[in-house]
Each structure stands twice: as C-alpha cells, then as structure tokens.
Amino acid sequence: MNFLHSMERWGDTHHPKWLDFIRMLLGIFLFIRGVEFINNMDQLSALMAKSEFFGSMSLGVLAHYVVFAHIVGGALIAFGLLTRLACLVQMPILLGAVFFVNADAGFLSPNEGLWLSILVLALLIFFLVSGSGPISVDEQMRRQPERERGRG
C-alpha cells in the first residue's frame, strides 16, 4: 500500500500541464475508437475470432466489454476523472490487441495497427503511474475541500 501511495504522490507532484493535453487526446482517441467499434461490431468480432486465444470465450460479451471500456474509459481519461482506474480497465484490451490480435503479422512488418496499439498501451501505462494531472476533474475535486475550509 505504501508503494501505491508513494507512486500516486510522485505522479501528482511531477506532472506538467502539457501532459494533460496528451491525456485528453488519448481519451478522445479511445472514445472515438469505441464509437467506431459500435458501428463495426461484426468486424470487431471477426478480428477477435481470427485469434486462437479468444477461442473459448464468448466473443459477443468480449466485444461489448471492449466497446464499453473504450467509450466510458476514454471519456473518463479525457476529463481526468478516475484516470488511473480508467487506464487500468483499458490495459487488458490493449495487451490483447498487441499480443493476440495485431502481433500475428509480426513485430517487424509494417503493421500500423500494432504500433498504434503499442503507443496507446505505453500512454496508458504512463498515465496509470502519473495520474490525471493539474487540468482534470480529479484535481478540481481534490482542491474543493481546501476552498470550503478557506470560506468557513
């Protein structure tokens, strides 16, 4: 527990404001990706079906989890609300995309889907550690008790 608190404290104190715009772009990207998956649910299921790893799982339930996590998690990340939790929920999806769906073509092939998945996964790991930053709903909620104490 001490490690988690120290990681959270470090992330909150070492987070420049310009990183918040990258966090917002990541959240918007994930949100849009979730909407695209809704519009192409058959293609998403087919993409997961071609991977042998998902063979025994219900692909319909898994596809709905991916869509829900991308839309809700993307919005949370964009607004900076429960950012670490939203990143944690996204990570299994991106790990699956990197290792089971996109990696079939190989790491050295010109597969932009694989490299995009790796980049998004790296950003999710970064924001899992660093948190939401100063321009976020989390920060506004954290400062609210300080403002109320100053008035009272």
N, C-alpha and C. Protein backbone atom coordinates (compact mmCIF):
# COMPACT_ATOMS: atom_id res chain seq x y z
N MET A 1 0.82 -1.18 0.00
CA MET A 1 0.00 0.00 0.00
C MET A 1 0.87 1.26 0.00
N ASN A 2 1.98 1.23 0.70
CA ASN A 2 2.88 2.38 0.70
C ASN A 2 3.40 2.68 -0.70
N PHE A 3 3.69 1.62 -1.45
CA PHE A 3 4.19 1.81 -2.80
C PHE A 3 3.16 2.53 -3.66
N LEU A 4 1.89 2.11 -3.55
CA LEU A 4 0.84 2.75 -4.34
C LEU A 4 0.66 4.22 -3.95
N HIS A 5 0.71 4.50 -2.66
CA HIS A 5 0.58 5.89 -2.22
C HIS A 5 1.77 6.74 -2.66
N SER A 6 2.96 6.17 -2.57
CA SER A 6 4.14 6.95 -3.00
C SER A 6 4.13 7.15 -4.51
N MET A 7 3.68 6.15 -5.27
CA MET A 7 3.57 6.30 -6.71
C MET A 7 2.55 7.38 -7.05
N GLU A 8 1.41 7.38 -6.36
CA GLU A 8 0.39 8.40 -6.61
C GLU A 8 0.89 9.79 -6.24
N ARG A 9 1.58 9.91 -5.13
CA ARG A 9 2.12 11.20 -4.70
C ARG A 9 3.16 11.70 -5.69
N TRP A 10 4.04 10.80 -6.16
CA TRP A 10 5.06 11.20 -7.12
C TRP A 10 4.40 11.67 -8.42
N GLY A 11 3.40 10.90 -8.89
CA GLY A 11 2.72 11.28 -10.13
C GLY A 11 2.00 12.61 -10.03
N ASP A 12 1.42 12.88 -8.86
CA ASP A 12 0.70 14.15 -8.68
C ASP A 12 1.64 15.35 -8.62
N THR A 13 2.85 15.17 -8.11
CA THR A 13 3.78 16.30 -7.98
C THR A 13 4.67 16.50 -9.19
N HIS A 14 4.82 15.51 -10.04
CA HIS A 14 5.71 15.60 -11.21
C HIS A 14 4.93 15.51 -12.51
N HIS A 15 3.90 16.29 -12.66
CA HIS A 15 3.04 16.20 -13.83
C HIS A 15 2.87 17.59 -14.46
N PRO A 16 3.63 17.89 -15.51
CA PRO A 16 3.47 19.20 -16.16
C PRO A 16 2.11 19.30 -16.87
N LYS A 17 1.65 20.51 -17.04
CA LYS A 17 0.32 20.74 -17.62
C LYS A 17 0.21 20.28 -19.06
N TRP A 18 1.30 20.34 -19.83
CA TRP A 18 1.21 19.96 -21.24
C TRP A 18 0.89 18.47 -21.39
N LEU A 19 1.22 17.67 -20.39
CA LEU A 19 0.88 16.25 -20.46
C LEU A 19 -0.63 16.02 -20.36
N ASP A 20 -1.33 16.97 -19.76
CA ASP A 20 -2.78 16.84 -19.68
C ASP A 20 -3.42 16.88 -21.06
N PHE A 21 -2.85 17.62 -21.97
CA PHE A 21 -3.40 17.67 -23.33
C PHE A 21 -3.18 16.34 -24.05
N ILE A 22 -2.07 15.67 -23.77
CA ILE A 22 -1.84 14.33 -24.33
C ILE A 22 -2.84 13.35 -23.73
N ARG A 23 -3.09 13.48 -22.41
CA ARG A 23 -4.09 12.63 -21.75
C ARG A 23 -5.46 12.84 -22.37
N MET A 24 -5.81 14.10 -22.62
CA MET A 24 -7.11 14.41 -23.23
C MET A 24 -7.22 13.81 -24.63
N LEU A 25 -6.15 13.94 -25.42
CA LEU A 25 -6.15 13.36 -26.78
C LEU A 25 -6.27 11.85 -26.74
N LEU A 26 -5.59 11.22 -25.78
CA LEU A 26 -5.69 9.77 -25.63
C LEU A 26 -7.12 9.37 -25.30
N GLY A 27 -7.75 10.08 -24.38
CA GLY A 27 -9.13 9.78 -24.02
C GLY A 27 -10.09 9.97 -25.19
N ILE A 28 -9.91 11.05 -25.94
CA ILE A 28 -10.76 11.30 -27.10
C ILE A 28 -10.55 10.20 -28.15
N PHE A 29 -9.29 9.81 -28.36
CA PHE A 29 -8.99 8.75 -29.32
C PHE A 29 -9.68 7.45 -28.91
N LEU A 30 -9.60 7.07 -27.63
CA LEU A 30 -10.23 5.84 -27.17
C LEU A 30 -11.75 5.92 -27.29
N PHE A 31 -12.32 7.07 -26.98
CA PHE A 31 -13.76 7.26 -27.11
C PHE A 31 -14.20 7.08 -28.56
N ILE A 32 -13.50 7.73 -29.48
CA ILE A 32 -13.83 7.62 -30.91
C ILE A 32 -13.66 6.18 -31.39
N ARG A 33 -12.62 5.53 -30.90
CA ARG A 33 -12.38 4.13 -31.26
C ARG A 33 -13.54 3.25 -30.80
N GLY A 34 -14.06 3.52 -29.60
CA GLY A 34 -15.22 2.78 -29.10
C GLY A 34 -16.45 2.99 -29.97
N VAL A 35 -16.67 4.23 -30.41
CA VAL A 35 -17.80 4.52 -31.30
C VAL A 35 -17.61 3.81 -32.63
N GLU A 36 -16.39 3.79 -33.15
CA GLU A 36 -16.12 3.07 -34.40
C GLU A 36 -16.39 1.58 -34.23
N PHE A 37 -16.05 1.02 -33.06
CA PHE A 37 -16.31 -0.39 -32.82
C PHE A 37 -17.81 -0.68 -32.77
N ILE A 38 -18.59 0.27 -32.24
CA ILE A 38 -20.05 0.08 -32.23
C ILE A 38 -20.56 0.01 -33.67
N ASN A 39 -20.09 0.91 -34.51
CA ASN A 39 -20.55 0.94 -35.90
C ASN A 39 -20.08 -0.26 -36.71
N ASN A 40 -19.02 -0.92 -36.26
CA ASN A 40 -18.46 -2.07 -36.97
C ASN A 40 -18.32 -3.27 -36.04
N MET A 41 -19.39 -3.60 -35.32
CA MET A 41 -19.33 -4.68 -34.33
C MET A 41 -19.01 -6.03 -34.98
N ASP A 42 -19.49 -6.26 -36.19
CA ASP A 42 -19.19 -7.52 -36.88
C ASP A 42 -17.70 -7.64 -37.19
N GLN A 43 -17.09 -6.54 -37.62
CA GLN A 43 -15.66 -6.56 -37.91
C GLN A 43 -14.84 -6.76 -36.64
N LEU A 44 -15.28 -6.16 -35.53
CA LEU A 44 -14.58 -6.34 -34.25
C LEU A 44 -14.65 -7.80 -33.83
N SER A 45 -15.81 -8.42 -33.92
CA SER A 45 -15.94 -9.83 -33.56
C SER A 45 -15.11 -10.71 -34.48
N ALA A 46 -15.08 -10.39 -35.77
CA ALA A 46 -14.27 -11.16 -36.71
C ALA A 46 -12.79 -11.01 -36.42
N LEU A 47 -12.37 -9.81 -36.04
CA LEU A 47 -10.97 -9.57 -35.70
C LEU A 47 -10.56 -10.40 -34.48
N MET A 48 -11.43 -10.46 -33.48
CA MET A 48 -11.13 -11.26 -32.29
C MET A 48 -11.24 -12.74 -32.58
N ALA A 49 -12.12 -13.13 -33.49
CA ALA A 49 -12.31 -14.55 -33.80
C ALA A 49 -11.11 -15.14 -34.53
N LYS A 50 -10.37 -14.32 -35.28
CA LYS A 50 -9.22 -14.87 -36.01
C LYS A 50 -8.05 -15.20 -35.09
N SER A 51 -8.07 -14.70 -33.87
CA SER A 51 -7.05 -15.03 -32.89
C SER A 51 -7.47 -16.29 -32.14
N GLU A 52 -6.58 -17.26 -32.05
CA GLU A 52 -6.89 -18.52 -31.37
C GLU A 52 -7.04 -18.34 -29.87
N PHE A 53 -6.50 -17.27 -29.31
CA PHE A 53 -6.52 -17.05 -27.86
C PHE A 53 -7.94 -16.89 -27.34
N PHE A 54 -8.80 -16.26 -28.12
CA PHE A 54 -10.16 -15.98 -27.68
C PHE A 54 -11.12 -17.11 -28.04
N GLY A 55 -10.62 -18.26 -28.43
CA GLY A 55 -11.44 -19.35 -28.93
C GLY A 55 -12.61 -19.75 -28.05
N SER A 56 -12.41 -19.94 -26.76
CA SER A 56 -13.47 -20.45 -25.91
C SER A 56 -14.31 -19.35 -25.27
N MET A 57 -13.90 -18.11 -25.40
CA MET A 57 -14.65 -17.01 -24.78
C MET A 57 -15.83 -16.61 -25.65
N SER A 58 -16.82 -16.05 -25.02
CA SER A 58 -17.95 -15.51 -25.76
C SER A 58 -17.52 -14.19 -26.40
N LEU A 59 -17.37 -14.21 -27.71
CA LEU A 59 -16.87 -13.03 -28.41
C LEU A 59 -17.84 -11.86 -28.35
N GLY A 60 -19.12 -12.15 -28.25
CA GLY A 60 -20.10 -11.07 -28.15
C GLY A 60 -19.94 -10.29 -26.85
N VAL A 61 -19.77 -11.01 -25.75
CA VAL A 61 -19.58 -10.37 -24.45
C VAL A 61 -18.27 -9.60 -24.43
N LEU A 62 -17.23 -10.20 -24.97
CA LEU A 62 -15.92 -9.56 -25.02
C LEU A 62 -15.95 -8.31 -25.90
N ALA A 63 -16.64 -8.37 -27.01
CA ALA A 63 -16.75 -7.20 -27.90
C ALA A 63 -17.50 -6.07 -27.20
N HIS A 64 -18.54 -6.40 -26.46
CA HIS A 64 -19.27 -5.37 -25.73
C HIS A 64 -18.42 -4.77 -24.61
N TYR A 65 -17.59 -5.58 -23.97
CA TYR A 65 -16.69 -5.05 -22.95
C TYR A 65 -15.70 -4.07 -23.57
N VAL A 66 -15.16 -4.41 -24.73
CA VAL A 66 -14.21 -3.54 -25.40
C VAL A 66 -14.87 -2.20 -25.74
N VAL A 67 -16.07 -2.25 -26.28
CA VAL A 67 -16.78 -1.02 -26.65
C VAL A 67 -17.09 -0.19 -25.41
N PHE A 68 -17.64 -0.81 -24.38
CA PHE A 68 -17.99 -0.10 -23.15
C PHE A 68 -16.74 0.51 -22.51
N ALA A 69 -15.68 -0.27 -22.42
CA ALA A 69 -14.45 0.23 -21.78
C ALA A 69 -13.85 1.38 -22.58
N HIS A 70 -13.87 1.30 -23.89
CA HIS A 70 -13.30 2.39 -24.70
C HIS A 70 -14.14 3.66 -24.59
N ILE A 71 -15.45 3.53 -24.63
CA ILE A 71 -16.29 4.73 -24.58
C ILE A 71 -16.26 5.36 -23.20
N VAL A 72 -16.56 4.58 -22.17
CA VAL A 72 -16.59 5.14 -20.81
C VAL A 72 -15.18 5.48 -20.33
N GLY A 73 -14.23 4.57 -20.53
CA GLY A 73 -12.86 4.83 -20.11
C GLY A 73 -12.23 5.98 -20.86
N GLY A 74 -12.51 6.08 -22.15
CA GLY A 74 -11.98 7.20 -22.93
C GLY A 74 -12.52 8.53 -22.43
N ALA A 75 -13.81 8.58 -22.12
CA ALA A 75 -14.38 9.82 -21.58
C ALA A 75 -13.78 10.16 -20.22
N LEU A 76 -13.62 9.16 -19.36
CA LEU A 76 -13.02 9.41 -18.05
C LEU A 76 -11.59 9.91 -18.17
N ILE A 77 -10.82 9.30 -19.07
CA ILE A 77 -9.44 9.73 -19.26
C ILE A 77 -9.40 11.14 -19.83
N ALA A 78 -10.27 11.45 -20.78
CA ALA A 78 -10.28 12.78 -21.38
C ALA A 78 -10.60 13.86 -20.35
N PHE A 79 -11.54 13.59 -19.45
CA PHE A 79 -11.91 14.57 -18.43
C PHE A 79 -10.98 14.54 -17.22
N GLY A 80 -10.19 13.49 -17.09
CA GLY A 80 -9.31 13.38 -15.94
C GLY A 80 -10.05 12.97 -14.69
N LEU A 81 -11.03 12.11 -14.82
CA LEU A 81 -11.82 11.62 -13.71
C LEU A 81 -11.54 10.12 -13.55
N LEU A 82 -11.05 9.73 -12.40
CA LEU A 82 -10.68 8.33 -12.14
C LEU A 82 -9.73 7.81 -13.22
N THR A 83 -8.74 8.61 -13.55
CA THR A 83 -7.84 8.31 -14.66
C THR A 83 -7.10 7.01 -14.47
N ARG A 84 -6.57 6.79 -13.28
CA ARG A 84 -5.80 5.56 -13.06
C ARG A 84 -6.68 4.32 -13.21
N LEU A 85 -7.89 4.37 -12.69
CA LEU A 85 -8.81 3.25 -12.83
C LEU A 85 -9.19 3.03 -14.30
N ALA A 86 -9.47 4.11 -15.01
CA ALA A 86 -9.83 4.01 -16.42
C ALA A 86 -8.68 3.43 -17.24
N CYS A 87 -7.46 3.82 -16.92
CA CYS A 87 -6.29 3.25 -17.62
C CYS A 87 -6.15 1.77 -17.32
N LEU A 88 -6.39 1.40 -16.09
CA LEU A 88 -6.28 0.00 -15.68
C LEU A 88 -7.31 -0.86 -16.40
N VAL A 89 -8.51 -0.34 -16.60
CA VAL A 89 -9.57 -1.08 -17.30
C VAL A 89 -9.22 -1.23 -18.79
N GLN A 90 -8.54 -0.25 -19.36
CA GLN A 90 -8.17 -0.29 -20.77
C GLN A 90 -7.01 -1.25 -21.06
N MET A 91 -6.15 -1.45 -20.09
CA MET A 91 -4.90 -2.17 -20.34
C MET A 91 -5.09 -3.62 -20.82
N PRO A 92 -6.03 -4.41 -20.28
CA PRO A 92 -6.19 -5.76 -20.84
C PRO A 92 -6.60 -5.76 -22.31
N ILE A 93 -7.38 -4.77 -22.70
CA ILE A 93 -7.80 -4.67 -24.10
C ILE A 93 -6.60 -4.41 -24.99
N LEU A 94 -5.75 -3.47 -24.58
CA LEU A 94 -4.58 -3.13 -25.39
C LEU A 94 -3.54 -4.24 -25.36
N LEU A 95 -3.39 -4.92 -24.23
CA LEU A 95 -2.49 -6.07 -24.19
C LEU A 95 -2.97 -7.15 -25.14
N GLY A 96 -4.28 -7.39 -25.17
CA GLY A 96 -4.84 -8.34 -26.13
C GLY A 96 -4.62 -7.91 -27.56
N ALA A 97 -4.76 -6.60 -27.81
CA ALA A 97 -4.55 -6.09 -29.17
C ALA A 97 -3.10 -6.26 -29.59
N VAL A 98 -2.18 -6.01 -28.67
CA VAL A 98 -0.75 -6.10 -29.02
C VAL A 98 -0.32 -7.55 -29.20
N PHE A 99 -0.64 -8.40 -28.24
CA PHE A 99 -0.07 -9.75 -28.24
C PHE A 99 -0.90 -10.80 -28.97
N PHE A 100 -2.21 -10.60 -29.10
CA PHE A 100 -3.02 -11.66 -29.67
C PHE A 100 -3.70 -11.30 -30.98
N VAL A 101 -3.99 -10.04 -31.20
CA VAL A 101 -4.71 -9.66 -32.41
C VAL A 101 -3.77 -9.13 -33.48
N ASN A 102 -3.00 -8.10 -33.15
CA ASN A 102 -2.15 -7.44 -34.14
C ASN A 102 -0.79 -8.10 -34.33
N ALA A 103 -0.34 -8.88 -33.38
CA ALA A 103 1.01 -9.45 -33.47
C ALA A 103 1.10 -10.62 -34.43
N ASP A 104 -0.03 -11.07 -34.98
CA ASP A 104 0.01 -12.19 -35.92
C ASP A 104 0.87 -11.87 -37.14
N ALA A 105 0.88 -10.61 -37.56
CA ALA A 105 1.67 -10.22 -38.73
C ALA A 105 3.15 -10.10 -38.40
N GLY A 106 3.49 -9.97 -37.13
CA GLY A 106 4.88 -9.85 -36.73
C GLY A 106 5.24 -8.43 -36.34
N PHE A 107 6.22 -8.31 -35.47
CA PHE A 107 6.61 -7.01 -34.97
C PHE A 107 7.39 -6.18 -35.98
N LEU A 108 8.05 -6.83 -36.93
CA LEU A 108 8.87 -6.10 -37.88
C LEU A 108 8.14 -5.75 -39.18
N SER A 109 6.91 -6.22 -39.32
CA SER A 109 6.17 -5.90 -40.53
C SER A 109 5.57 -4.50 -40.41
N PRO A 110 5.27 -3.89 -41.54
CA PRO A 110 4.68 -2.53 -41.49
C PRO A 110 3.20 -2.59 -41.11
N ASN A 111 2.94 -2.92 -39.86
CA ASN A 111 1.58 -3.07 -39.35
C ASN A 111 1.27 -1.88 -38.45
N GLU A 112 0.60 -0.87 -39.01
CA GLU A 112 0.34 0.35 -38.23
C GLU A 112 -0.59 0.09 -37.06
N GLY A 113 -1.47 -0.89 -37.16
CA GLY A 113 -2.36 -1.22 -36.05
C GLY A 113 -1.60 -1.70 -34.83
N LEU A 114 -0.55 -2.48 -35.06
CA LEU A 114 0.26 -2.99 -33.96
C LEU A 114 1.00 -1.84 -33.28
N TRP A 115 1.62 -0.96 -34.06
CA TRP A 115 2.39 0.13 -33.48
C TRP A 115 1.49 1.16 -32.80
N LEU A 116 0.30 1.36 -33.33
CA LEU A 116 -0.66 2.24 -32.67
C LEU A 116 -1.10 1.64 -31.34
N SER A 117 -1.33 0.33 -31.31
CA SER A 117 -1.70 -0.34 -30.06
C SER A 117 -0.58 -0.26 -29.03
N ILE A 118 0.65 -0.41 -29.47
CA ILE A 118 1.80 -0.30 -28.56
C ILE A 118 1.91 1.11 -28.00
N LEU A 119 1.73 2.12 -28.85
CA LEU A 119 1.78 3.51 -28.40
C LEU A 119 0.68 3.80 -27.38
N VAL A 120 -0.54 3.37 -27.66
CA VAL A 120 -1.65 3.61 -26.73
C VAL A 120 -1.41 2.87 -25.43
N LEU A 121 -0.91 1.65 -25.49
CA LEU A 121 -0.60 0.89 -24.27
C LEU A 121 0.47 1.61 -23.45
N ALA A 122 1.50 2.12 -24.11
CA ALA A 122 2.55 2.85 -23.40
C ALA A 122 1.99 4.12 -22.73
N LEU A 123 1.11 4.82 -23.42
CA LEU A 123 0.49 6.01 -22.82
C LEU A 123 -0.40 5.64 -21.65
N LEU A 124 -1.12 4.53 -21.75
CA LEU A 124 -1.96 4.09 -20.63
C LEU A 124 -1.11 3.75 -19.41
N ILE A 125 0.02 3.09 -19.64
CA ILE A 125 0.92 2.77 -18.52
C ILE A 125 1.46 4.05 -17.91
N PHE A 126 1.84 5.00 -18.76
CA PHE A 126 2.36 6.27 -18.26
C PHE A 126 1.33 6.99 -17.40
N PHE A 127 0.08 7.10 -17.87
CA PHE A 127 -0.94 7.82 -17.11
C PHE A 127 -1.44 7.01 -15.92
N LEU A 128 -1.26 5.70 -15.94
CA LEU A 128 -1.54 4.90 -14.75
C LEU A 128 -0.61 5.30 -13.62
N VAL A 129 0.65 5.56 -13.97
CA VAL A 129 1.63 5.96 -12.96
C VAL A 129 1.50 7.44 -12.62
N SER A 130 1.41 8.29 -13.63
CA SER A 130 1.47 9.74 -13.37
C SER A 130 0.13 10.34 -12.95
N GLY A 131 -0.96 9.70 -13.25
CA GLY A 131 -2.26 10.22 -12.83
C GLY A 131 -2.83 11.23 -13.80
N SER A 132 -3.85 11.94 -13.34
CA SER A 132 -4.61 12.80 -14.24
C SER A 132 -4.00 14.17 -14.46
N GLY A 133 -3.27 14.72 -13.50
CA GLY A 133 -2.61 16.00 -13.70
C GLY A 133 -3.41 17.18 -13.19
N PRO A 134 -2.84 18.38 -13.35
CA PRO A 134 -3.46 19.58 -12.78
C PRO A 134 -4.72 20.05 -13.51
N ILE A 135 -4.87 19.73 -14.78
CA ILE A 135 -6.06 20.14 -15.53
C ILE A 135 -6.98 18.92 -15.64
N SER A 136 -7.72 18.66 -14.56
CA SER A 136 -8.57 17.47 -14.53
C SER A 136 -9.69 17.64 -13.51
N VAL A 137 -10.69 16.83 -13.65
CA VAL A 137 -11.78 16.82 -12.68
C VAL A 137 -11.27 16.31 -11.33
N ASP A 138 -10.38 15.32 -11.36
CA ASP A 138 -9.80 14.81 -10.11
C ASP A 138 -9.13 15.93 -9.32
N GLU A 139 -8.38 16.77 -9.98
CA GLU A 139 -7.68 17.86 -9.31
C GLU A 139 -8.68 18.89 -8.77
N GLN A 140 -9.71 19.16 -9.52
CA GLN A 140 -10.74 20.09 -9.04
C GLN A 140 -11.44 19.53 -7.80
N MET A 141 -11.71 18.25 -7.79
CA MET A 141 -12.34 17.63 -6.62
C MET A 141 -11.40 17.60 -5.43
N ARG A 142 -10.11 17.43 -5.69
CA ARG A 142 -9.12 17.40 -4.62
C ARG A 142 -8.99 18.79 -3.98
N ARG A 143 -9.12 19.83 -4.78
CA ARG A 143 -8.99 21.20 -4.28
C ARG A 143 -10.26 21.72 -3.63
N GLN A 144 -11.40 21.10 -3.88
CA GLN A 144 -12.68 21.58 -3.35
C GLN A 144 -12.70 21.68 -1.83
N PRO A 145 -12.24 20.69 -1.07
CA PRO A 145 -12.24 20.83 0.40
C PRO A 145 -11.37 21.99 0.87
N GLU A 146 -10.26 22.27 0.18
CA GLU A 146 -9.40 23.39 0.55
C GLU A 146 -10.14 24.71 0.38
N ARG A 147 -10.93 24.84 -0.69
CA ARG A 147 -11.69 26.06 -0.92
C ARG A 147 -12.78 26.23 0.14
N GLU A 148 -13.43 25.15 0.50
CA GLU A 148 -14.50 25.23 1.51
C GLU A 148 -13.94 25.57 2.90
N ARG A 149 -12.76 25.07 3.22
CA ARG A 149 -12.14 25.40 4.50
C ARG A 149 -11.76 26.87 4.55
N GLY A 150 -11.34 27.41 3.40
CA GLY A 150 -10.95 28.83 3.34
C GLY A 150 -12.14 29.75 3.54
N ARG A 151 -13.32 29.32 3.14
CA ARG A 151 -14.52 30.15 3.29
C ARG A 151 -15.09 30.08 4.70
N GLY A 152 -14.93 28.93 5.37
CA GLY A 152 -15.58 28.70 6.66
C GLY A 152 -14.90 29.34 7.77
